[in-house]
Amino acid sequence: MTDGPAHARITPLADDRDPPPLNIFRTLARNKELAKAFLTLGGHLLGAGVLPEREREIVILRIGWRAGSEYEFGQHTAIGKQAGLTDAETGGGEWEAGDAALVRLADELCDHDVVSDATWSELAGRWSDEQLLELLVLAGFYRLVSGMLNSVGVPLEPATAGWPASAHALRSAPREASA
């Protein structure tokens, strides 16, 4: 896995609010129109989509893991736990069959840019067409986000956990200095 930048390549905008917005949003704020569009789709997927929160977070975490995005994985570990994921699940543990199909969807998209017939068949037995489309867009959106975070070197906030202890030799995000 290619190392990411040691420092932010695009510095997040300063913000006097307490607490300030997350570094991802402060970085995107350097391109206001892009940030607006990004937040529209991201906000829909996180707050107005048709997927249950827990299953949505399984896909996001797996994409972040596969992309080697410590920032994405760290932020969504906290969100995933709020959505009902366990420490073992956020650490890459064993998955029940329905959840394992979501992990395979993410893996297959990362490896081949297509979901296999076997995985699709299993997913189609559980999810509606509307939900299947959202799963694909969700995975694609978070692959995009992870690549941007890795390439720009968006620094991980001090309170964000990052990788679990079991993660070895994964790309590290730059760290924001503690206040």
Protein backbone atom coordinates (compact mmCIF):
# COMPACT_ATOMS: atom_id res chain seq x y z
CA MET A 1 0.00 0.00 0.00
CA THR A 2 1.37 3.40 -0.97
CA ASP A 3 2.06 5.73 1.92
CA GLY A 4 -0.02 8.87 2.12
CA PRO A 5 1.35 12.34 2.77
CA ALA A 6 2.89 12.97 6.20
CA HIS A 7 1.24 16.39 6.35
CA ALA A 8 -1.88 17.95 4.87
CA ARG A 9 -1.33 18.90 1.24
CA ILE A 10 -4.32 21.24 1.46
CA THR A 11 -4.65 22.80 4.89
CA PRO A 12 -8.13 22.84 6.42
CA LEU A 13 -9.52 26.36 6.75
CA ALA A 14 -9.25 27.90 10.18
CA ASP A 15 -12.53 28.02 12.08
CA ASP A 16 -13.20 29.84 15.35
CA ARG A 17 -16.23 27.76 16.31
CA ASP A 18 -15.94 25.57 19.40
CA PRO A 19 -15.70 22.81 18.50
CA PRO A 20 -14.69 23.50 14.88
CA PRO A 21 -16.19 21.42 12.05
CA LEU A 22 -14.34 18.25 11.15
CA ASN A 23 -11.18 18.63 9.08
CA ILE A 24 -12.80 16.98 6.06
CA PHE A 25 -15.40 19.76 5.90
CA ARG A 26 -12.86 22.51 6.61
CA THR A 27 -10.72 21.16 3.76
CA LEU A 28 -13.62 20.89 1.32
CA ALA A 29 -14.59 24.48 2.22
CA ARG A 30 -11.67 25.61 0.06
CA ASN A 31 -13.95 24.82 -2.92
CA LYS A 32 -17.39 26.08 -1.91
CA GLU A 33 -19.37 24.77 -4.90
CA LEU A 34 -17.76 21.33 -4.66
CA ALA A 35 -18.36 21.26 -0.91
CA LYS A 36 -22.04 22.10 -1.45
CA ALA A 37 -22.51 19.24 -3.93
CA PHE A 38 -20.46 16.84 -1.79
CA LEU A 39 -22.54 17.63 1.28
CA THR A 40 -25.78 17.18 -0.65
CA LEU A 41 -24.99 13.61 -1.70
CA GLY A 42 -23.16 12.72 1.51
CA GLY A 43 -25.98 14.17 3.61
CA HIS A 44 -28.54 12.16 1.68
CA LEU A 45 -26.61 8.91 2.11
CA LEU A 46 -26.07 9.50 5.84
CA GLY A 47 -29.36 11.06 6.83
CA ALA A 48 -32.08 10.52 4.25
CA GLY A 49 -31.21 7.28 2.53
CA VAL A 50 -33.17 4.03 2.46
CA LEU A 51 -30.56 1.83 4.17
CA PRO A 52 -30.55 0.98 7.86
CA GLU A 53 -27.74 2.81 9.69
CA ARG A 54 -25.92 -0.29 10.88
CA GLU A 55 -25.70 -1.89 7.45
CA ARG A 56 -24.77 1.44 5.84
CA GLU A 57 -21.87 1.73 8.26
CA ILE A 58 -20.66 -1.81 7.51
CA VAL A 59 -20.21 -0.81 3.86
CA ILE A 60 -18.58 2.54 4.68
CA LEU A 61 -16.15 0.99 7.15
CA ARG A 62 -15.19 -1.78 4.74
CA ILE A 63 -14.59 0.72 1.94
CA GLY A 64 -12.49 2.89 4.28
CA TRP A 65 -10.49 -0.18 5.35
CA ARG A 66 -9.92 -1.39 1.79
CA ALA A 67 -8.92 2.12 0.65
CA GLY A 68 -6.49 2.42 3.55
CA SER A 69 -8.20 5.59 4.75
CA GLU A 70 -7.55 5.91 8.45
CA TYR A 71 -9.47 9.19 8.58
CA GLU A 72 -12.59 7.64 7.02
CA PHE A 73 -12.32 4.48 9.09
CA GLY A 74 -11.77 6.41 12.32
CA GLN A 75 -14.69 8.79 11.83
CA HIS A 76 -17.08 6.01 10.84
CA THR A 77 -15.97 3.67 13.61
CA ALA A 78 -17.61 6.10 16.05
CA ILE A 79 -20.69 6.47 13.81
CA GLY A 80 -20.87 2.70 13.34
CA LYS A 81 -20.82 2.08 17.08
CA GLN A 82 -23.67 4.58 17.49
CA ALA A 83 -25.54 2.60 14.81
CA GLY A 84 -25.10 -0.67 16.74
CA LEU A 85 -21.84 -2.17 15.49
CA THR A 86 -19.73 -3.90 18.12
CA ASP A 87 -16.02 -3.39 18.81
CA ALA A 88 -15.37 -6.80 17.22
CA GLU A 89 -17.26 -5.79 14.07
CA THR A 90 -15.53 -2.43 13.70
CA GLY A 91 -12.23 -4.24 14.21
CA GLY A 92 -12.90 -6.49 11.21
CA GLY A 93 -14.31 -9.50 13.04
CA GLU A 94 -16.53 -12.30 11.83
CA TRP A 95 -19.79 -11.39 10.08
CA GLU A 96 -23.14 -13.14 9.97
CA ALA A 97 -24.23 -14.17 6.45
CA GLY A 98 -26.27 -11.04 5.62
CA ASP A 99 -23.53 -8.73 6.84
CA ALA A 100 -20.85 -10.80 5.11
CA ALA A 101 -22.63 -10.17 1.78
CA LEU A 102 -22.28 -6.41 2.39
CA VAL A 103 -18.57 -6.86 3.09
CA ARG A 104 -18.23 -8.90 -0.13
CA LEU A 105 -20.04 -6.15 -2.08
CA ALA A 106 -17.45 -3.66 -0.86
CA ASP A 107 -14.53 -6.02 -1.50
CA GLU A 108 -15.70 -6.92 -5.01
CA LEU A 109 -16.22 -3.28 -5.96
CA CYS A 110 -12.73 -2.44 -4.65
CA ASP A 111 -11.14 -5.42 -6.43
CA HIS A 112 -13.09 -5.61 -9.70
CA ASP A 113 -15.49 -2.64 -9.94
CA VAL A 114 -18.40 -5.07 -10.26
CA VAL A 115 -20.43 -7.17 -7.84
CA SER A 116 -20.36 -10.89 -8.66
CA ASP A 117 -23.51 -12.78 -9.59
CA ALA A 118 -23.31 -14.84 -6.39
CA THR A 119 -23.05 -11.79 -4.13
CA TRP A 120 -25.72 -9.93 -6.10
CA SER A 121 -28.11 -12.87 -5.79
CA GLU A 122 -27.60 -13.00 -2.04
CA LEU A 123 -28.07 -9.25 -1.67
CA ALA A 124 -31.15 -9.23 -3.92
CA GLY A 125 -32.76 -11.77 -1.58
CA ARG A 126 -32.60 -9.22 1.23
CA TRP A 127 -32.61 -5.75 -0.34
CA SER A 128 -35.00 -3.96 -2.71
CA ASP A 129 -33.85 -2.51 -6.03
CA GLU A 130 -33.95 0.93 -4.42
CA GLN A 131 -31.68 -0.25 -1.61
CA LEU A 132 -29.34 -2.11 -3.97
CA LEU A 133 -28.81 1.06 -5.99
CA GLU A 134 -28.10 2.98 -2.82
CA LEU A 135 -25.60 0.36 -1.65
CA LEU A 136 -23.69 0.77 -4.91
CA VAL A 137 -23.72 4.58 -4.79
CA LEU A 138 -22.76 4.49 -1.09
CA ALA A 139 -19.75 2.29 -1.82
CA GLY A 140 -18.70 4.47 -4.76
CA PHE A 141 -19.12 7.71 -2.83
CA TYR A 142 -16.99 6.48 0.07
CA ARG A 143 -14.31 5.17 -2.31
CA LEU A 144 -14.17 8.70 -3.70
CA VAL A 145 -14.08 10.21 -0.20
CA SER A 146 -11.35 7.83 0.94
CA GLY A 147 -9.18 8.58 -2.09
CA MET A 148 -9.58 12.32 -1.54
CA LEU A 149 -8.77 12.03 2.18
CA ASN A 150 -5.69 9.90 1.47
CA SER A 151 -4.40 12.11 -1.35
CA VAL A 152 -4.95 15.44 0.39
CA GLY A 153 -3.72 14.15 3.74
CA VAL A 154 -6.68 15.44 5.73
CA PRO A 155 -5.41 15.28 9.32
CA LEU A 156 -7.17 13.08 11.84
CA GLU A 157 -8.61 15.05 14.75
CA PRO A 158 -7.03 14.28 18.15
CA ALA A 159 -10.21 12.71 19.56
CA THR A 160 -10.72 10.36 16.57
CA ALA A 161 -9.54 6.81 17.18
CA GLY A 162 -8.10 5.86 13.77
CA TRP A 163 -7.18 2.24 13.08
CA PRO A 164 -7.94 -0.54 15.57
CA ALA A 165 -4.98 -2.10 17.38
CA SER A 166 -5.25 -5.16 15.10
CA ALA A 167 -4.43 -3.09 12.00
CA HIS A 168 -0.83 -3.47 10.94
CA ALA A 169 1.01 -1.84 8.04
CA LEU A 170 -1.98 0.25 6.97
CA ARG A 171 -1.59 3.80 5.68
CA SER A 172 -1.65 6.37 8.49
CA ALA A 173 -3.41 9.71 8.24
CA PRO A 174 -1.56 12.81 9.34
CA ARG A 175 -2.40 13.85 12.90
CA GLU A 176 -3.77 17.21 13.92
CA ALA A 177 -1.86 18.70 16.83
CA SER A 178 -3.72 18.58 20.14
CA ALA A 179 -4.87 21.92 21.49
